[in-house]
Amino acid sequence: MSGAAAVSIRRVSKTFAAGDVVALQEIDLDIRPREFVSLIGPSGCGKSTLLRIVGDLIRPSSGEIVVNGKSAHEARLDRDYGIVFQDAVLYDWRTVARNIALPLEMAGWDRARRAERVREMLELVELTGFESRHPWQLSGGMQQRVAIARALSFSPALLLMDEPFGALDEMTRERLNAELLRIWRETGCTVLFVTHSIAEAVFLSTRVVVMSPRPGRIAEIVEIDLAQPRTGDTREDPRFFELVTEVREALHGGSDRGSPRLRVAE
């Protein structure tokens, strides 16, 4: 690997005091700048916990996170992160434009500068014309696009996404996968993405990190060598099916490679 990592995770473990639950154990991972890395594994394996530790939403029990040369806490204070969760978490009483502008208001941007940035974000997520709508007037997929626009409004170096499309129907999910890759290419940010979908992980990622059942460890890392940009035709490429099979076998434990057997998330 050349150059400094955008995210460096070293020997990170997490134990929750309630019940002494060991969620993560000895995680080591480097994520390169502009990379799109997906975390996949059985339910309860610590994927979301690891993402939240990277984002300084919770603290590890041991180990170290470095983001762009800073501690995770310093990176959060410096607004290096944008975060998108499974629920869009929009404020119903604020319009689309005012939801997107919220982080900019908190950062003290003046009104004219906020308005210009909101316009740019609406263009980026293809929601121009919806700026005066309220979240309850939008579909689930449109709400998630607003959440992505809000997360990217202040140009974070790192975008953390925790199953952002998990509650959407398959057609909407596939369309938003393609839009997310377009946004990723245009912004140049680094993405860490949590999913339960093997096909989604393979379609989106430069690498897929397969995690073991709790306590979560890295079982395997699969390099995704599909050509960019990815399109609907990518899902019909024989190499796509080969990579889906490789990730699935890693989830099962790849008995032919002598690794321990894992449970597959439903």
C-alpha atoms as a PDB file:
ATOM      1  CA  MET A   1       0.000   0.000   0.000  1.00  0.00           C
ATOM      2  CA  SER A   2       1.418   3.375  -1.006  1.00  0.00           C
ATOM      3  CA  GLY A   3       0.898   6.633   0.886  1.00  0.00           C
ATOM      4  CA  ALA A   4      -0.738   7.265   4.223  1.00  0.00           C
ATOM      5  CA  ALA A   5      -4.004   5.515   5.005  1.00  0.00           C
ATOM      6  CA  ALA A   6      -7.189   7.584   5.226  1.00  0.00           C
ATOM      7  CA  VAL A   7      -8.229   5.339   8.126  1.00  0.00           C
ATOM      8  CA  SER A   8      -5.861   3.179  10.152  1.00  0.00           C
ATOM      9  CA  ILE A   9      -7.382   0.719  12.637  1.00  0.00           C
ATOM     10  CA  ARG A  10      -4.917  -0.968  14.975  1.00  0.00           C
ATOM     11  CA  ARG A  11      -5.737  -3.815  17.389  1.00  0.00           C
ATOM     12  CA  VAL A  12      -9.194  -2.429  18.103  1.00  0.00           C
ATOM     13  CA  SER A  13     -11.391  -4.382  20.510  1.00  0.00           C
ATOM     14  CA  LYS A  14     -14.713  -3.486  22.102  1.00  0.00           C
ATOM     15  CA  THR A  15     -16.386  -5.043  25.135  1.00  0.00           C
ATOM     16  CA  PHE A  16     -19.742  -3.741  26.305  1.00  0.00           C
ATOM     17  CA  ALA A  17     -19.976  -3.647  30.086  1.00  0.00           C
ATOM     18  CA  ALA A  18     -23.578  -4.890  30.141  1.00  0.00           C
ATOM     19  CA  GLY A  19     -23.180  -8.663  30.102  1.00  0.00           C
ATOM     20  CA  ASP A  20     -19.465  -8.448  29.286  1.00  0.00           C
ATOM     21  CA  VAL A  21     -20.279  -8.829  25.579  1.00  0.00           C
ATOM     22  CA  VAL A  22     -17.136  -8.880  23.418  1.00  0.00           C
ATOM     23  CA  ALA A  23     -18.278  -7.230  20.184  1.00  0.00           C
ATOM     24  CA  LEU A  24     -14.912  -6.801  18.435  1.00  0.00           C
ATOM     25  CA  GLN A  25     -11.546  -8.423  18.928  1.00  0.00           C
ATOM     26  CA  GLU A  26      -8.167  -7.322  17.579  1.00  0.00           C
ATOM     27  CA  ILE A  27      -9.291  -5.523  14.397  1.00  0.00           C
ATOM     28  CA  ASP A  28      -6.487  -4.338  12.101  1.00  0.00           C
ATOM     29  CA  LEU A  29      -7.414  -2.555   8.874  1.00  0.00           C
ATOM     30  CA  ASP A  30      -6.072   0.234   6.654  1.00  0.00           C
ATOM     31  CA  ILE A  31      -8.388   2.087   4.271  1.00  0.00           C
ATOM     32  CA  ARG A  32      -6.735   4.023   1.474  1.00  0.00           C
ATOM     33  CA  PRO A  33      -7.800   7.543   0.421  1.00  0.00           C
ATOM     34  CA  ARG A  34     -10.726   7.530  -2.077  1.00  0.00           C
ATOM     35  CA  GLU A  35     -11.359   3.844  -1.420  1.00  0.00           C
ATOM     36  CA  PHE A  36     -14.857   2.361  -1.033  1.00  0.00           C
ATOM     37  CA  VAL A  37     -14.719  -0.370   1.612  1.00  0.00           C
ATOM     38  CA  SER A  38     -17.731  -2.432   2.693  1.00  0.00           C
ATOM     39  CA  LEU A  39     -18.068  -4.364   5.953  1.00  0.00           C
ATOM     40  CA  ILE A  40     -20.200  -7.501   5.753  1.00  0.00           C
ATOM     41  CA  GLY A  41     -20.853 -10.333   8.172  1.00  0.00           C
ATOM     42  CA  PRO A  42     -23.460 -12.080  10.314  1.00  0.00           C
ATOM     43  CA  SER A  43     -25.898 -10.070  12.400  1.00  0.00           C
ATOM     44  CA  GLY A  44     -24.275  -9.078  15.677  1.00  0.00           C
ATOM     45  CA  CYS A  45     -20.702  -9.438  14.385  1.00  0.00           C
ATOM     46  CA  GLY A  46     -19.794  -5.834  15.221  1.00  0.00           C
ATOM     47  CA  LYS A  47     -19.943  -4.162  11.782  1.00  0.00           C
ATOM     48  CA  SER A  48     -21.913  -1.163  12.993  1.00  0.00           C
ATOM     49  CA  THR A  49     -19.924  -1.045  16.220  1.00  0.00           C
ATOM     50  CA  LEU A  50     -16.688  -0.774  14.226  1.00  0.00           C
ATOM     51  CA  LEU A  51     -18.137   1.972  12.025  1.00  0.00           C
ATOM     52  CA  ARG A  52     -19.277   3.909  15.105  1.00  0.00           C
ATOM     53  CA  ILE A  53     -15.837   3.549  16.685  1.00  0.00           C
ATOM     54  CA  VAL A  54     -14.227   4.944  13.521  1.00  0.00           C
ATOM     55  CA  GLY A  55     -16.707   7.844  13.692  1.00  0.00           C
ATOM     56  CA  ASP A  56     -15.965   8.495  17.385  1.00  0.00           C
ATOM     57  CA  LEU A  57     -19.591   7.821  18.307  1.00  0.00           C
ATOM     58  CA  ILE A  58     -18.411   5.179  20.777  1.00  0.00           C
ATOM     59  CA  ARG A  59     -14.957   4.506  22.192  1.00  0.00           C
ATOM     60  CA  PRO A  60     -13.010   1.263  21.760  1.00  0.00           C
ATOM     61  CA  SER A  61     -12.068  -0.738  24.832  1.00  0.00           C
ATOM     62  CA  SER A  62      -8.540  -0.979  23.429  1.00  0.00           C
ATOM     63  CA  GLY A  63      -6.652  -0.158  20.268  1.00  0.00           C
ATOM     64  CA  GLU A  64      -6.233   2.953  18.163  1.00  0.00           C
ATOM     65  CA  ILE A  65      -8.042   4.682  15.277  1.00  0.00           C
ATOM     66  CA  VAL A  66      -6.208   7.247  13.140  1.00  0.00           C
ATOM     67  CA  VAL A  67      -8.156   9.246  10.542  1.00  0.00           C
ATOM     68  CA  ASN A  68      -6.136  11.402   8.148  1.00  0.00           C
ATOM     69  CA  GLY A  69      -3.298  11.487  10.654  1.00  0.00           C
ATOM     70  CA  LYS A  70      -5.529  12.430  13.621  1.00  0.00           C
ATOM     71  CA  SER A  71      -7.245  10.570  16.411  1.00  0.00           C
ATOM     72  CA  ALA A  72     -10.888   9.698  15.724  1.00  0.00           C
ATOM     73  CA  HIS A  73     -11.942  12.313  18.296  1.00  0.00           C
ATOM     74  CA  GLU A  74      -9.873  15.050  16.655  1.00  0.00           C
ATOM     75  CA  ALA A  75     -11.204  14.063  13.230  1.00  0.00           C
ATOM     76  CA  ARG A  76     -14.802  14.378  14.468  1.00  0.00           C
ATOM     77  CA  LEU A  77     -14.132  17.802  15.960  1.00  0.00           C
ATOM     78  CA  ASP A  78     -12.549  18.845  12.647  1.00  0.00           C
ATOM     79  CA  ARG A  79     -15.671  17.653  10.762  1.00  0.00           C
ATOM     80  CA  ASP A  80     -13.771  15.056   8.764  1.00  0.00           C
ATOM     81  CA  TYR A  81     -16.826  12.765   8.869  1.00  0.00           C
ATOM     82  CA  GLY A  82     -20.171  12.606   7.177  1.00  0.00           C
ATOM     83  CA  ILE A  83     -22.481   9.897   8.557  1.00  0.00           C
ATOM     84  CA  VAL A  84     -25.587   8.301   7.023  1.00  0.00           C
ATOM     85  CA  PHE A  85     -27.669   5.755   8.952  1.00  0.00           C
ATOM     86  CA  GLN A  86     -30.358   3.277   7.861  1.00  0.00           C
ATOM     87  CA  ASP A  87     -33.032   5.789   8.890  1.00  0.00           C
ATOM     88  CA  ALA A  88     -32.606   9.138   7.162  1.00  0.00           C
ATOM     89  CA  VAL A  89     -33.049  10.977  10.505  1.00  0.00           C
ATOM     90  CA  LEU A  90     -34.429  14.133   8.889  1.00  0.00           C
ATOM     91  CA  TYR A  91     -36.368  16.826  10.742  1.00  0.00           C
ATOM     92  CA  ASP A  92     -39.970  16.857   9.496  1.00  0.00           C
ATOM     93  CA  TRP A  93     -40.475  20.527  10.372  1.00  0.00           C
ATOM     94  CA  ARG A  94     -37.519  21.595   8.218  1.00  0.00           C
ATOM     95  CA  THR A  95     -37.643  21.681   4.441  1.00  0.00           C
ATOM     96  CA  VAL A  96     -35.273  19.613   2.329  1.00  0.00           C
ATOM     97  CA  ALA A  97     -33.045  22.663   1.865  1.00  0.00           C
ATOM     98  CA  ARG A  98     -32.978  23.439   5.590  1.00  0.00           C
ATOM     99  CA  ASN A  99     -32.223  19.799   6.464  1.00  0.00           C
ATOM    100  CA  ILE A 100     -29.235  19.857   4.133  1.00  0.00           C
ATOM    101  CA  ALA A 101     -28.131  23.226   5.492  1.00  0.00           C
ATOM    102  CA  LEU A 102     -28.248  22.171   9.161  1.00  0.00           C
ATOM    103  CA  PRO A 103     -24.536  21.215   9.523  1.00  0.00           C
ATOM    104  CA  LEU A 104     -23.593  24.437   7.742  1.00  0.00           C
ATOM    105  CA  GLU A 105     -25.715  26.487  10.138  1.00  0.00           C
ATOM    106  CA  MET A 106     -24.000  24.774  13.061  1.00  0.00           C
ATOM    107  CA  ALA A 107     -20.608  25.556  11.480  1.00  0.00           C
ATOM    108  CA  GLY A 108     -21.536  29.254  11.227  1.00  0.00           C
ATOM    109  CA  TRP A 109     -21.739  29.597   7.439  1.00  0.00           C
ATOM    110  CA  ASP A 110     -23.519  32.780   6.326  1.00  0.00           C
ATOM    111  CA  ARG A 111     -26.873  32.553   4.560  1.00  0.00           C
ATOM    112  CA  ALA A 112     -25.616  33.207   1.031  1.00  0.00           C
ATOM    113  CA  ARG A 113     -22.845  30.637   1.315  1.00  0.00           C
ATOM    114  CA  ARG A 114     -25.275  28.067   2.762  1.00  0.00           C
ATOM    115  CA  ALA A 115     -27.761  28.647  -0.045  1.00  0.00           C
ATOM    116  CA  GLU A 116     -25.108  28.118  -2.725  1.00  0.00           C
ATOM    117  CA  ARG A 117     -23.856  24.927  -1.091  1.00  0.00           C
ATOM    118  CA  VAL A 118     -27.402  23.566  -0.711  1.00  0.00           C
ATOM    119  CA  ARG A 119     -27.994  24.233  -4.412  1.00  0.00           C
ATOM    120  CA  GLU A 120     -24.840  22.290  -5.276  1.00  0.00           C
ATOM    121  CA  MET A 121     -25.864  19.385  -3.037  1.00  0.00           C
ATOM    122  CA  LEU A 122     -29.364  19.229  -4.517  1.00  0.00           C
ATOM    123  CA  GLU A 123     -27.806  18.982  -7.985  1.00  0.00           C
ATOM    124  CA  LEU A 124     -25.402  16.293  -6.788  1.00  0.00           C
ATOM    125  CA  VAL A 125     -28.189  14.030  -5.463  1.00  0.00           C
ATOM    126  CA  GLU A 126     -30.565  14.996  -8.310  1.00  0.00           C
ATOM    127  CA  LEU A 127     -33.220  16.621  -6.116  1.00  0.00           C
ATOM    128  CA  THR A 128     -33.271  20.104  -7.639  1.00  0.00           C
ATOM    129  CA  GLY A 129     -36.846  21.368  -7.398  1.00  0.00           C
ATOM    130  CA  PHE A 130     -37.559  19.590  -4.126  1.00  0.00           C
ATOM    131  CA  GLU A 131     -35.830  22.100  -1.866  1.00  0.00           C
ATOM    132  CA  SER A 132     -39.118  23.433  -0.429  1.00  0.00           C
ATOM    133  CA  ARG A 133     -40.630  20.014   0.270  1.00  0.00           C
ATOM    134  CA  HIS A 134     -40.695  18.433   3.711  1.00  0.00           C
ATOM    135  CA  PRO A 135     -39.364  14.915   4.428  1.00  0.00           C
ATOM    136  CA  TRP A 136     -42.855  13.482   4.876  1.00  0.00           C
ATOM    137  CA  GLN A 137     -43.608  14.482   1.276  1.00  0.00           C
ATOM    138  CA  LEU A 138     -40.737  12.365  -0.101  1.00  0.00           C
ATOM    139  CA  SER A 139     -40.262   8.665  -0.812  1.00  0.00           C
ATOM    140  CA  GLY A 140     -37.844   6.629   1.294  1.00  0.00           C
ATOM    141  CA  GLY A 141     -35.223   6.713  -1.439  1.00  0.00           C
ATOM    142  CA  MET A 142     -35.506  10.487  -1.794  1.00  0.00           C
ATOM    143  CA  GLN A 143     -35.178  10.902   1.978  1.00  0.00           C
ATOM    144  CA  GLN A 144     -31.940   8.928   1.909  1.00  0.00           C
ATOM    145  CA  ARG A 145     -30.622  11.144  -0.878  1.00  0.00           C
ATOM    146  CA  VAL A 146     -31.342  14.167   1.313  1.00  0.00           C
ATOM    147  CA  ALA A 147     -29.444  12.472   4.157  1.00  0.00           C
ATOM    148  CA  ILE A 148     -26.485  11.827   1.831  1.00  0.00           C
ATOM    149  CA  ALA A 149     -26.557  15.460   0.650  1.00  0.00           C
ATOM    150  CA  ARG A 150     -26.565  16.665   4.261  1.00  0.00           C
ATOM    151  CA  ALA A 151     -23.657  14.361   5.146  1.00  0.00           C
ATOM    152  CA  LEU A 152     -21.620  15.647   2.208  1.00  0.00           C
ATOM    153  CA  SER A 153     -22.582  19.325   2.553  1.00  0.00           C
ATOM    154  CA  PHE A 154     -19.408  20.305   4.408  1.00  0.00           C
ATOM    155  CA  SER A 155     -17.095  18.214   2.150  1.00  0.00           C
ATOM    156  CA  PRO A 156     -15.988  15.561   4.657  1.00  0.00           C
ATOM    157  CA  ALA A 157     -12.949  13.468   3.783  1.00  0.00           C
ATOM    158  CA  LEU A 158     -14.672  10.312   5.046  1.00  0.00           C
ATOM    159  CA  LEU A 159     -18.285   9.163   4.554  1.00  0.00           C
ATOM    160  CA  LEU A 160     -19.554   6.529   7.016  1.00  0.00           C
ATOM    161  CA  MET A 161     -22.705   4.668   5.929  1.00  0.00           C
ATOM    162  CA  ASP A 162     -24.521   2.183   8.175  1.00  0.00           C
ATOM    163  CA  GLU A 163     -26.907   0.099   6.014  1.00  0.00           C
ATOM    164  CA  PRO A 164     -28.345   3.254   4.408  1.00  0.00           C
ATOM    165  CA  PHE A 165     -30.438   1.339   1.863  1.00  0.00           C
ATOM    166  CA  GLY A 166     -31.413  -1.646   4.017  1.00  0.00           C
ATOM    167  CA  ALA A 167     -35.066  -0.605   4.383  1.00  0.00           C
ATOM    168  CA  LEU A 168     -35.640   0.127   0.687  1.00  0.00           C
ATOM    169  CA  ASP A 169     -37.124  -2.112  -1.987  1.00  0.00           C
ATOM    170  CA  GLU A 170     -34.697  -3.876  -4.321  1.00  0.00           C
ATOM    171  CA  MET A 171     -35.272  -1.642  -7.376  1.00  0.00           C
ATOM    172  CA  THR A 172     -34.813   1.573  -5.386  1.00  0.00           C
ATOM    173  CA  ARG A 173     -31.785   0.101  -3.656  1.00  0.00           C
ATOM    174  CA  GLU A 174     -30.069  -0.782  -6.939  1.00  0.00           C
ATOM    175  CA  ARG A 175     -30.770   2.671  -8.360  1.00  0.00           C
ATOM    176  CA  LEU A 176     -29.358   4.374  -5.260  1.00  0.00           C
ATOM    177  CA  ASN A 177     -26.304   2.090  -5.394  1.00  0.00           C
ATOM    178  CA  ALA A 178     -25.540   3.501  -8.852  1.00  0.00           C
ATOM    179  CA  GLU A 179     -26.178   7.075  -7.675  1.00  0.00           C
ATOM    180  CA  LEU A 180     -23.930   6.577  -4.653  1.00  0.00           C
ATOM    181  CA  LEU A 181     -21.066   5.427  -6.878  1.00  0.00           C
ATOM    182  CA  ARG A 182     -21.547   8.502  -9.077  1.00  0.00           C
ATOM    183  CA  ILE A 183     -21.446  10.750  -6.001  1.00  0.00           C
ATOM    184  CA  TRP A 184     -18.373   8.909  -4.694  1.00  0.00           C
ATOM    185  CA  ARG A 185     -16.540   9.454  -7.997  1.00  0.00           C
ATOM    186  CA  GLU A 186     -17.519  13.124  -8.163  1.00  0.00           C
ATOM    187  CA  THR A 187     -16.629  14.012  -4.560  1.00  0.00           C
ATOM    188  CA  GLY A 188     -13.487  11.900  -4.168  1.00  0.00           C
ATOM    189  CA  CYS A 189     -14.288  11.054  -0.549  1.00  0.00           C
ATOM    190  CA  THR A 190     -13.383   7.796   1.188  1.00  0.00           C
ATOM    191  CA  VAL A 191     -16.375   5.567   2.045  1.00  0.00           C
ATOM    192  CA  LEU A 192     -16.798   2.974   4.792  1.00  0.00           C
ATOM    193  CA  PHE A 193     -20.095   1.151   4.186  1.00  0.00           C
ATOM    194  CA  VAL A 194     -21.946  -1.435   6.306  1.00  0.00           C
ATOM    195  CA  THR A 195     -24.306  -3.866   4.557  1.00  0.00           C
ATOM    196  CA  HIS A 196     -25.903  -7.304   4.888  1.00  0.00           C
ATOM    197  CA  SER A 197     -26.153  -7.694   1.099  1.00  0.00           C
ATOM    198  CA  ILE A 198     -23.365  -9.579  -0.676  1.00  0.00           C
ATOM    199  CA  ALA A 199     -24.416  -8.292  -4.102  1.00  0.00           C
ATOM    200  CA  GLU A 200     -24.521  -4.699  -2.845  1.00  0.00           C
ATOM    201  CA  ALA A 201     -21.087  -5.001  -1.256  1.00  0.00           C
ATOM    202  CA  VAL A 202     -19.538  -6.413  -4.439  1.00  0.00           C
ATOM    203  CA  PHE A 203     -21.221  -3.861  -6.720  1.00  0.00           C
ATOM    204  CA  LEU A 204     -20.166  -0.845  -4.668  1.00  0.00           C
ATOM    205  CA  SER A 205     -16.769  -1.652  -3.265  1.00  0.00           C
ATOM    206  CA  THR A 206     -13.091  -1.559  -4.074  1.00  0.00           C
ATOM    207  CA  ARG A 207     -12.658  -4.076  -1.213  1.00  0.00           C
ATOM    208  CA  VAL A 208     -15.073  -6.129   0.891  1.00  0.00           C
ATOM    209  CA  VAL A 209     -14.109  -6.867   4.491  1.00  0.00           C
ATOM    210  CA  VAL A 210     -15.763 -10.095   5.672  1.00  0.00           C
ATOM    211  CA  MET A 211     -16.233 -10.335   9.432  1.00  0.00           C
ATOM    212  CA  SER A 212     -16.667 -13.386  11.635  1.00  0.00           C
ATOM    213  CA  PRO A 213     -19.479 -14.015  14.134  1.00  0.00           C
ATOM    214  CA  ARG A 214     -19.086 -12.327  17.530  1.00  0.00           C
ATOM    215  CA  PRO A 215     -16.570 -11.548  18.735  1.00  0.00           C
ATOM    216  CA  GLY A 216     -16.086  -9.819  15.398  1.00  0.00           C
ATOM    217  CA  ARG A 217     -12.757 -10.345  13.673  1.00  0.00           C
ATOM    218  CA  ILE A 218     -11.692  -9.846  10.076  1.00  0.00           C
ATOM    219  CA  ALA A 219     -12.102 -13.249   8.446  1.00  0.00           C
ATOM    220  CA  GLU A 220     -11.065 -12.241   4.930  1.00  0.00           C
ATOM    221  CA  ILE A 221     -10.633  -9.209   2.683  1.00  0.00           C
ATOM    222  CA  VAL A 222     -11.811  -9.606  -0.915  1.00  0.00           C
ATOM    223  CA  GLU A 223     -10.386  -7.284  -3.573  1.00  0.00           C
ATOM    224  CA  ILE A 224     -13.080  -6.202  -6.028  1.00  0.00           C
ATOM    225  CA  ASP A 225     -11.509  -5.790  -9.464  1.00  0.00           C
ATOM    226  CA  LEU A 226     -14.642  -4.897 -11.442  1.00  0.00           C
ATOM    227  CA  ALA A 227     -14.197  -2.110 -13.979  1.00  0.00           C
ATOM    228  CA  GLN A 228     -15.321   1.447 -13.190  1.00  0.00           C
ATOM    229  CA  PRO A 229     -17.730   3.078 -13.718  1.00  0.00           C
ATOM    230  CA  ARG A 230     -20.130   0.328 -12.723  1.00  0.00           C
ATOM    231  CA  THR A 231     -23.505   0.102 -14.413  1.00  0.00           C
ATOM    232  CA  GLY A 232     -26.466  -2.231 -14.647  1.00  0.00           C
ATOM    233  CA  ASP A 233     -24.358  -4.369 -16.987  1.00  0.00           C
ATOM    234  CA  THR A 234     -21.847  -4.899 -14.163  1.00  0.00           C
ATOM    235  CA  ARG A 235     -24.386  -7.115 -12.403  1.00  0.00           C
ATOM    236  CA  GLU A 236     -24.464  -9.393 -15.473  1.00  0.00           C
ATOM    237  CA  ASP A 237     -20.676  -9.654 -15.743  1.00  0.00           C
ATOM    238  CA  PRO A 238     -19.372 -13.195 -15.057  1.00  0.00           C
ATOM    239  CA  ARG A 239     -16.683 -11.666 -12.843  1.00  0.00           C
ATOM    240  CA  PHE A 240     -19.414 -10.085 -10.678  1.00  0.00           C
ATOM    241  CA  PHE A 241     -20.888 -13.545 -10.026  1.00  0.00           C
ATOM    242  CA  GLU A 242     -17.413 -14.950  -9.274  1.00  0.00           C
ATOM    243  CA  LEU A 243     -16.817 -12.246  -6.678  1.00  0.00           C
ATOM    244  CA  VAL A 244     -20.262 -12.714  -5.126  1.00  0.00           C
ATOM    245  CA  THR A 245     -19.411 -16.407  -4.762  1.00  0.00           C
ATOM    246  CA  GLU A 246     -16.012 -15.575  -3.248  1.00  0.00           C
ATOM    247  CA  VAL A 247     -17.589 -13.310  -0.613  1.00  0.00           C
ATOM    248  CA  ARG A 248     -20.309 -15.873   0.095  1.00  0.00           C
ATOM    249  CA  GLU A 249     -17.699 -18.608   0.605  1.00  0.00           C
ATOM    250  CA  ALA A 250     -15.768 -16.315   2.949  1.00  0.00           C
ATOM    251  CA  LEU A 251     -18.946 -15.805   4.968  1.00  0.00           C
ATOM    252  CA  HIS A 252     -19.431 -19.562   5.121  1.00  0.00           C
ATOM    253  CA  GLY A 253     -15.831 -19.918   6.221  1.00  0.00           C
ATOM    254  CA  GLY A 254     -14.308 -21.236   3.013  1.00  0.00           C
ATOM    255  CA  SER A 255     -13.809 -24.782   4.260  1.00  0.00           C
ATOM    256  CA  ASP A 256     -11.609 -25.489   1.264  1.00  0.00           C
ATOM    257  CA  ARG A 257      -9.218 -22.803   2.550  1.00  0.00           C
ATOM    258  CA  GLY A 258      -9.141 -24.291   6.043  1.00  0.00           C
ATOM    259  CA  SER A 259     -10.721 -21.300   7.842  1.00  0.00           C
ATOM    260  CA  PRO A 260     -13.329 -21.626  10.602  1.00  0.00           C
ATOM    261  CA  ARG A 261     -16.934 -21.849   9.524  1.00  0.00           C
ATOM    262  CA  LEU A 262     -19.020 -18.690   9.804  1.00  0.00           C
ATOM    263  CA  ARG A 263     -22.763 -18.195   9.859  1.00  0.00           C
ATOM    264  CA  VAL A 264     -24.277 -16.328   6.917  1.00  0.00           C
ATOM    265  CA  ALA A 265     -26.460 -13.331   7.749  1.00  0.00           C
ATOM    266  CA  GLU A 266     -29.998 -13.694   6.486  1.00  0.00           C
END
